[in-house]
Amino acid sequence: MNNILRVIYAMLISIGLFSTPALAGSHANPCNPCGMQKHMNPCNPCSIKKHMNPCNPCAMKKHMNPCNPCSMKKHMNPCNPCAMKKHSNPCSMKPNPCSMGNPCAANQKTPIRKPAFKNYQEAASLGAKMWKDESLGTSGLACLSCHADHELLNLDRNQNFPHYVKMVGDVVTLDQMINYCMLNPMKGKQFGKNSKELTAMAAYYRAFRMQFMKEQRAK
């Protein structure tokens, strides 16, 4: 009897009506990635053909995969900084804000005065004439009246302006010192800050000081 049952059971297995426990664990277990046949298991990355698997970055053709940075043509890829048309590129604008010239080198210049000195020597020469001109003020004095032979200028201290001047009682620039003398000892009017006269006096003071330093080195 047992032998007959074994034969019947074997026949049923052979035609697929029953399966053995081992086979059931392999083919019928939904939690086993190998449990179903390859082409029927949607969770198995190898279960679908390569070109049909949407989870595989290589599954679709290059031009059809939106997740592939190489999938679109250069001009159509929104993630490619070179993909935009030239007119959308901030560096392609006309005029280019980065290509503008130096605003400090503009051709249009506003002069501080007209006419201008051509060179330093021209300014110093005018200053030399003014240095001994008594008509600059109403007191009858000229710069030379107080500063003949480099007197009362403290040039031996080798001080650069601005510095403190006891006579003024303040720290002054060279231009301010010149205008102080115009207003006080010479009883005249101060020069304008951009005037040729003020520049000429400052230029001659420089030449006057350099002459003093040269004489000192010769001693």
C-alpha atoms as a PDB file:
ATOM      1  CA  MET A   1       0.000   0.000   0.000  1.00  0.00           C
ATOM      2  CA  ASN A   2       2.756   2.452   0.941  1.00  0.00           C
ATOM      3  CA  ASN A   3       4.581   1.712  -2.285  1.00  0.00           C
ATOM      4  CA  ILE A   4       1.447   2.499  -4.315  1.00  0.00           C
ATOM      5  CA  LEU A   5       1.022   5.879  -2.516  1.00  0.00           C
ATOM      6  CA  ARG A   6       4.647   6.791  -3.199  1.00  0.00           C
ATOM      7  CA  VAL A   7       4.198   6.095  -6.910  1.00  0.00           C
ATOM      8  CA  ILE A   8       1.006   8.226  -7.077  1.00  0.00           C
ATOM      9  CA  TYR A   9       2.690  11.104  -5.165  1.00  0.00           C
ATOM     10  CA  ALA A  10       5.675  11.031  -7.487  1.00  0.00           C
ATOM     11  CA  MET A  11       3.367  11.174 -10.510  1.00  0.00           C
ATOM     12  CA  LEU A  12       1.487  14.196  -9.061  1.00  0.00           C
ATOM     13  CA  ILE A  13       4.767  16.047  -8.472  1.00  0.00           C
ATOM     14  CA  SER A  14       5.936  15.331 -11.992  1.00  0.00           C
ATOM     15  CA  ILE A  15       2.854  16.939 -13.522  1.00  0.00           C
ATOM     16  CA  GLY A  16       3.098  19.984 -11.188  1.00  0.00           C
ATOM     17  CA  LEU A  17       0.083  19.477  -8.928  1.00  0.00           C
ATOM     18  CA  PHE A  18       2.294  19.307  -5.855  1.00  0.00           C
ATOM     19  CA  SER A  19       5.767  20.598  -5.021  1.00  0.00           C
ATOM     20  CA  THR A  20       8.356  19.493  -2.576  1.00  0.00           C
ATOM     21  CA  PRO A  21       9.157  21.728   0.494  1.00  0.00           C
ATOM     22  CA  ALA A  22      12.562  22.618  -1.033  1.00  0.00           C
ATOM     23  CA  LEU A  23      11.011  23.707  -4.283  1.00  0.00           C
ATOM     24  CA  ALA A  24       8.296  25.614  -2.463  1.00  0.00           C
ATOM     25  CA  GLY A  25      10.918  27.584  -0.565  1.00  0.00           C
ATOM     26  CA  SER A  26      12.670  28.503  -3.785  1.00  0.00           C
ATOM     27  CA  HIS A  27       9.870  29.267  -6.290  1.00  0.00           C
ATOM     28  CA  ALA A  28       6.890  30.214  -4.142  1.00  0.00           C
ATOM     29  CA  ASN A  29       8.560  32.422  -1.476  1.00  0.00           C
ATOM     30  CA  PRO A  30       7.756  36.111  -2.359  1.00  0.00           C
ATOM     31  CA  CYS A  31      10.406  37.338   0.089  1.00  0.00           C
ATOM     32  CA  ASN A  32      13.200  35.527  -1.685  1.00  0.00           C
ATOM     33  CA  PRO A  33      14.631  37.626  -4.539  1.00  0.00           C
ATOM     34  CA  CYS A  34      15.335  34.360  -6.304  1.00  0.00           C
ATOM     35  CA  GLY A  35      11.932  32.953  -5.384  1.00  0.00           C
ATOM     36  CA  MET A  36      10.298  33.726  -8.696  1.00  0.00           C
ATOM     37  CA  GLN A  37      11.585  33.259 -12.124  1.00  0.00           C
ATOM     38  CA  LYS A  38      13.898  36.068 -13.139  1.00  0.00           C
ATOM     39  CA  HIS A  39      11.567  37.695 -15.629  1.00  0.00           C
ATOM     40  CA  MET A  40       8.607  37.676 -13.172  1.00  0.00           C
ATOM     41  CA  ASN A  41      10.194  39.239 -10.041  1.00  0.00           C
ATOM     42  CA  PRO A  42       9.715  43.071 -10.137  1.00  0.00           C
ATOM     43  CA  CYS A  43      11.970  43.512  -7.055  1.00  0.00           C
ATOM     44  CA  ASN A  44      14.912  41.783  -8.648  1.00  0.00           C
ATOM     45  CA  PRO A  45      17.143  44.294 -10.485  1.00  0.00           C
ATOM     46  CA  CYS A  46      17.968  41.502 -12.886  1.00  0.00           C
ATOM     47  CA  SER A  47      14.357  40.515 -13.386  1.00  0.00           C
ATOM     48  CA  ILE A  48      13.611  42.851 -16.260  1.00  0.00           C
ATOM     49  CA  LYS A  49      15.602  43.278 -19.394  1.00  0.00           C
ATOM     50  CA  LYS A  50      18.261  45.938 -19.129  1.00  0.00           C
ATOM     51  CA  HIS A  51      16.568  48.430 -21.479  1.00  0.00           C
ATOM     52  CA  MET A  52      13.199  48.081 -19.675  1.00  0.00           C
ATOM     53  CA  ASN A  53      14.222  48.539 -16.033  1.00  0.00           C
ATOM     54  CA  PRO A  54      13.398  52.157 -14.944  1.00  0.00           C
ATOM     55  CA  CYS A  55      15.507  51.773 -11.790  1.00  0.00           C
ATOM     56  CA  ASN A  56      18.655  51.094 -13.751  1.00  0.00           C
ATOM     57  CA  PRO A  57      20.426  54.345 -14.853  1.00  0.00           C
ATOM     58  CA  CYS A  58      21.610  52.455 -17.901  1.00  0.00           C
ATOM     59  CA  ALA A  59      18.180  50.975 -18.569  1.00  0.00           C
ATOM     60  CA  MET A  60      16.944  53.525 -21.054  1.00  0.00           C
ATOM     61  CA  LYS A  61      18.563  54.945 -24.074  1.00  0.00           C
ATOM     62  CA  LYS A  62      20.717  57.991 -23.369  1.00  0.00           C
ATOM     63  CA  HIS A  63      18.332  60.479 -24.960  1.00  0.00           C
ATOM     64  CA  MET A  64      15.307  59.122 -23.041  1.00  0.00           C
ATOM     65  CA  ASN A  65      16.668  59.044 -19.471  1.00  0.00           C
ATOM     66  CA  PRO A  66      15.861  62.379 -17.722  1.00  0.00           C
ATOM     67  CA  CYS A  67      18.117  61.448 -14.769  1.00  0.00           C
ATOM     68  CA  ASN A  68      21.168  61.005 -16.936  1.00  0.00           C
ATOM     69  CA  PRO A  69      23.198  64.252 -17.235  1.00  0.00           C
ATOM     70  CA  CYS A  70      24.282  63.083 -20.656  1.00  0.00           C
ATOM     71  CA  SER A  71      20.756  62.203 -21.694  1.00  0.00           C
ATOM     72  CA  MET A  72      19.875  65.433 -23.464  1.00  0.00           C
ATOM     73  CA  LYS A  73      21.619  67.438 -26.075  1.00  0.00           C
ATOM     74  CA  LYS A  74      23.868  70.182 -24.759  1.00  0.00           C
ATOM     75  CA  HIS A  75      21.446  73.006 -25.566  1.00  0.00           C
ATOM     76  CA  MET A  76      18.462  71.190 -24.017  1.00  0.00           C
ATOM     77  CA  ASN A  77      19.898  70.110 -20.668  1.00  0.00           C
ATOM     78  CA  PRO A  78      18.639  72.577 -17.993  1.00  0.00           C
ATOM     79  CA  CYS A  79      21.280  71.358 -15.535  1.00  0.00           C
ATOM     80  CA  ASN A  80      24.152  72.206 -17.855  1.00  0.00           C
ATOM     81  CA  PRO A  81      25.472  75.797 -17.313  1.00  0.00           C
ATOM     82  CA  CYS A  82      26.465  75.817 -20.964  1.00  0.00           C
ATOM     83  CA  ALA A  83      23.000  74.692 -22.020  1.00  0.00           C
ATOM     84  CA  MET A  84      21.443  78.137 -22.059  1.00  0.00           C
ATOM     85  CA  LYS A  85      21.383  80.183 -25.145  1.00  0.00           C
ATOM     86  CA  LYS A  86      24.010  82.886 -25.351  1.00  0.00           C
ATOM     87  CA  HIS A  87      21.550  85.706 -24.729  1.00  0.00           C
ATOM     88  CA  SER A  88      20.580  84.139 -21.369  1.00  0.00           C
ATOM     89  CA  ASN A  89      24.172  84.125 -20.140  1.00  0.00           C
ATOM     90  CA  PRO A  90      24.880  87.205 -17.931  1.00  0.00           C
ATOM     91  CA  CYS A  91      28.333  87.489 -19.502  1.00  0.00           C
ATOM     92  CA  SER A  92      26.861  87.590 -22.986  1.00  0.00           C
ATOM     93  CA  MET A  93      24.926  90.799 -22.448  1.00  0.00           C
ATOM     94  CA  LYS A  94      25.663  93.833 -24.554  1.00  0.00           C
ATOM     95  CA  PRO A  95      27.026  96.027 -23.180  1.00  0.00           C
ATOM     96  CA  ASN A  96      28.760  93.659 -20.787  1.00  0.00           C
ATOM     97  CA  PRO A  97      28.815  95.234 -17.267  1.00  0.00           C
ATOM     98  CA  CYS A  98      32.149  93.493 -16.686  1.00  0.00           C
ATOM     99  CA  SER A  99      33.712  94.922 -19.820  1.00  0.00           C
ATOM    100  CA  MET A 100      33.245  98.577 -18.999  1.00  0.00           C
ATOM    101  CA  GLY A 101      36.359 100.692 -18.774  1.00  0.00           C
ATOM    102  CA  ASN A 102      37.843 102.200 -15.658  1.00  0.00           C
ATOM    103  CA  PRO A 103      35.552 105.039 -14.477  1.00  0.00           C
ATOM    104  CA  CYS A 104      38.677 106.850 -13.224  1.00  0.00           C
ATOM    105  CA  ALA A 105      40.132 106.797 -16.732  1.00  0.00           C
ATOM    106  CA  ALA A 106      37.196 108.453 -18.424  1.00  0.00           C
ATOM    107  CA  ASN A 107      37.950 110.722 -21.356  1.00  0.00           C
ATOM    108  CA  GLN A 108      35.820 113.504 -19.907  1.00  0.00           C
ATOM    109  CA  LYS A 109      37.905 115.242 -17.246  1.00  0.00           C
ATOM    110  CA  THR A 110      36.855 118.179 -15.123  1.00  0.00           C
ATOM    111  CA  PRO A 111      39.846 120.472 -14.545  1.00  0.00           C
ATOM    112  CA  ILE A 112      40.346 122.140 -11.158  1.00  0.00           C
ATOM    113  CA  ARG A 113      41.342 125.365 -12.933  1.00  0.00           C
ATOM    114  CA  LYS A 114      42.040 126.900 -16.308  1.00  0.00           C
ATOM    115  CA  PRO A 115      44.637 127.333 -17.619  1.00  0.00           C
ATOM    116  CA  ALA A 116      46.758 124.641 -15.958  1.00  0.00           C
ATOM    117  CA  PHE A 117      50.504 124.710 -15.291  1.00  0.00           C
ATOM    118  CA  LYS A 118      52.502 122.864 -17.937  1.00  0.00           C
ATOM    119  CA  ASN A 119      55.179 121.728 -15.470  1.00  0.00           C
ATOM    120  CA  TYR A 120      56.588 122.201 -11.959  1.00  0.00           C
ATOM    121  CA  GLN A 121      59.194 124.719 -13.035  1.00  0.00           C
ATOM    122  CA  GLU A 122      56.505 127.027 -14.431  1.00  0.00           C
ATOM    123  CA  ALA A 123      54.702 126.982 -11.080  1.00  0.00           C
ATOM    124  CA  ALA A 124      57.899 127.515  -9.063  1.00  0.00           C
ATOM    125  CA  SER A 125      58.927 130.478 -11.271  1.00  0.00           C
ATOM    126  CA  LEU A 126      55.619 132.224 -10.625  1.00  0.00           C
ATOM    127  CA  GLY A 127      56.031 131.522  -6.899  1.00  0.00           C
ATOM    128  CA  ALA A 128      59.508 133.092  -6.901  1.00  0.00           C
ATOM    129  CA  LYS A 129      58.058 136.338  -8.243  1.00  0.00           C
ATOM    130  CA  MET A 130      55.226 136.317  -5.711  1.00  0.00           C
ATOM    131  CA  TRP A 131      57.689 135.596  -2.859  1.00  0.00           C
ATOM    132  CA  LYS A 132      59.042 139.142  -3.099  1.00  0.00           C
ATOM    133  CA  ASP A 133      55.856 140.910  -4.204  1.00  0.00           C
ATOM    134  CA  GLU A 134      54.837 143.493  -1.560  1.00  0.00           C
ATOM    135  CA  SER A 135      51.582 144.276  -3.392  1.00  0.00           C
ATOM    136  CA  LEU A 136      50.016 140.953  -2.459  1.00  0.00           C
ATOM    137  CA  GLY A 137      48.865 142.512   0.839  1.00  0.00           C
ATOM    138  CA  THR A 138      48.259 145.957   2.350  1.00  0.00           C
ATOM    139  CA  SER A 139      50.935 145.880   5.063  1.00  0.00           C
ATOM    140  CA  GLY A 140      53.835 146.594   2.714  1.00  0.00           C
ATOM    141  CA  LEU A 141      55.388 143.231   3.492  1.00  0.00           C
ATOM    142  CA  ALA A 142      56.321 140.380   1.187  1.00  0.00           C
ATOM    143  CA  CYS A 143      57.208 136.802   2.043  1.00  0.00           C
ATOM    144  CA  LEU A 144      60.844 137.748   1.568  1.00  0.00           C
ATOM    145  CA  SER A 145      60.508 140.414   4.280  1.00  0.00           C
ATOM    146  CA  CYS A 146      60.343 137.744   6.988  1.00  0.00           C
ATOM    147  CA  HIS A 147      62.033 134.819   5.273  1.00  0.00           C
ATOM    148  CA  ALA A 148      65.186 136.214   3.647  1.00  0.00           C
ATOM    149  CA  ASP A 149      68.029 133.693   3.780  1.00  0.00           C
ATOM    150  CA  HIS A 150      65.573 130.987   4.910  1.00  0.00           C
ATOM    151  CA  GLU A 151      64.868 132.751   8.197  1.00  0.00           C
ATOM    152  CA  LEU A 152      61.910 131.989  10.488  1.00  0.00           C
ATOM    153  CA  LEU A 153      60.890 128.880   8.574  1.00  0.00           C
ATOM    154  CA  ASN A 154      62.490 126.340  10.929  1.00  0.00           C
ATOM    155  CA  LEU A 155      63.831 124.463   7.908  1.00  0.00           C
ATOM    156  CA  ASP A 156      66.595 123.006  10.076  1.00  0.00           C
ATOM    157  CA  ARG A 157      63.984 120.876  11.830  1.00  0.00           C
ATOM    158  CA  ASN A 158      63.328 119.075   8.561  1.00  0.00           C
ATOM    159  CA  GLN A 159      59.585 119.021   9.198  1.00  0.00           C
ATOM    160  CA  ASN A 160      57.029 118.070   6.588  1.00  0.00           C
ATOM    161  CA  PHE A 161      53.564 119.617   6.518  1.00  0.00           C
ATOM    162  CA  PRO A 162      51.175 119.253   8.131  1.00  0.00           C
ATOM    163  CA  HIS A 163      52.747 119.982  11.509  1.00  0.00           C
ATOM    164  CA  TYR A 164      52.153 122.181  14.538  1.00  0.00           C
ATOM    165  CA  VAL A 165      53.159 125.839  14.056  1.00  0.00           C
ATOM    166  CA  LYS A 166      53.489 127.889  17.232  1.00  0.00           C
ATOM    167  CA  MET A 167      52.756 131.168  15.434  1.00  0.00           C
ATOM    168  CA  VAL A 168      49.402 129.781  14.214  1.00  0.00           C
ATOM    169  CA  GLY A 169      48.684 127.789  17.350  1.00  0.00           C
ATOM    170  CA  ASP A 170      47.428 124.873  15.284  1.00  0.00           C
ATOM    171  CA  VAL A 171      48.438 121.962  13.065  1.00  0.00           C
ATOM    172  CA  VAL A 172      48.315 123.232   9.497  1.00  0.00           C
ATOM    173  CA  THR A 173      49.067 122.166   5.948  1.00  0.00           C
ATOM    174  CA  LEU A 174      51.454 124.178   3.777  1.00  0.00           C
ATOM    175  CA  ASP A 175      48.525 125.780   1.925  1.00  0.00           C
ATOM    176  CA  GLN A 176      46.926 126.774   5.223  1.00  0.00           C
ATOM    177  CA  MET A 177      50.219 128.255   6.417  1.00  0.00           C
ATOM    178  CA  ILE A 178      50.534 130.352   3.237  1.00  0.00           C
ATOM    179  CA  ASN A 179      46.993 131.684   3.636  1.00  0.00           C
ATOM    180  CA  TYR A 180      47.587 132.429   7.327  1.00  0.00           C
ATOM    181  CA  CYS A 181      50.522 134.659   6.323  1.00  0.00           C
ATOM    182  CA  MET A 182      48.397 136.319   3.625  1.00  0.00           C
ATOM    183  CA  LEU A 183      45.688 137.195   6.155  1.00  0.00           C
ATOM    184  CA  ASN A 184      47.905 138.220   9.093  1.00  0.00           C
ATOM    185  CA  PRO A 185      51.425 139.605   8.484  1.00  0.00           C
ATOM    186  CA  MET A 186      50.626 140.728   4.919  1.00  0.00           C
ATOM    187  CA  LYS A 187      47.030 141.874   5.610  1.00  0.00           C
ATOM    188  CA  GLY A 188      45.792 140.580   2.291  1.00  0.00           C
ATOM    189  CA  LYS A 189      43.242 138.070   1.025  1.00  0.00           C
ATOM    190  CA  GLN A 190      43.769 134.341   1.181  1.00  0.00           C
ATOM    191  CA  PHE A 191      44.237 132.417  -2.056  1.00  0.00           C
ATOM    192  CA  GLY A 192      41.580 130.038  -3.363  1.00  0.00           C
ATOM    193  CA  LYS A 193      42.285 126.369  -2.668  1.00  0.00           C
ATOM    194  CA  ASN A 194      42.550 125.561  -6.397  1.00  0.00           C
ATOM    195  CA  SER A 195      44.151 128.816  -7.469  1.00  0.00           C
ATOM    196  CA  LYS A 196      47.368 128.942  -9.471  1.00  0.00           C
ATOM    197  CA  GLU A 197      48.722 131.473  -6.951  1.00  0.00           C
ATOM    198  CA  LEU A 198      48.445 129.061  -4.021  1.00  0.00           C
ATOM    199  CA  THR A 199      50.037 126.241  -6.039  1.00  0.00           C
ATOM    200  CA  ALA A 200      52.833 128.589  -7.191  1.00  0.00           C
ATOM    201  CA  MET A 201      53.662 129.656  -3.616  1.00  0.00           C
ATOM    202  CA  ALA A 202      53.722 126.001  -2.465  1.00  0.00           C
ATOM    203  CA  ALA A 203      55.939 125.039  -5.424  1.00  0.00           C
ATOM    204  CA  TYR A 204      58.437 127.813  -4.643  1.00  0.00           C
ATOM    205  CA  TYR A 205      58.479 126.874  -0.940  1.00  0.00           C
ATOM    206  CA  ARG A 206      59.560 123.396  -1.981  1.00  0.00           C
ATOM    207  CA  ALA A 207      62.350 124.832  -4.165  1.00  0.00           C
ATOM    208  CA  PHE A 208      63.336 127.230  -1.350  1.00  0.00           C
ATOM    209  CA  ARG A 209      63.578 124.356   1.124  1.00  0.00           C
ATOM    210  CA  MET A 210      65.579 122.157  -1.262  1.00  0.00           C
ATOM    211  CA  GLN A 211      68.045 125.011  -1.752  1.00  0.00           C
ATOM    212  CA  PHE A 212      68.461 125.276   2.026  1.00  0.00           C
ATOM    213  CA  MET A 213      69.094 121.524   2.382  1.00  0.00           C
ATOM    214  CA  LYS A 214      71.649 121.653  -0.442  1.00  0.00           C
ATOM    215  CA  GLU A 215      73.530 124.494   1.264  1.00  0.00           C
ATOM    216  CA  GLN A 216      73.501 122.576   4.561  1.00  0.00           C
ATOM    217  CA  ARG A 217      75.017 119.485   2.956  1.00  0.00           C
ATOM    218  CA  ALA A 218      77.745 121.618   1.386  1.00  0.00           C
ATOM    219  CA  LYS A 219      78.929 122.931   4.780  1.00  0.00           C
END
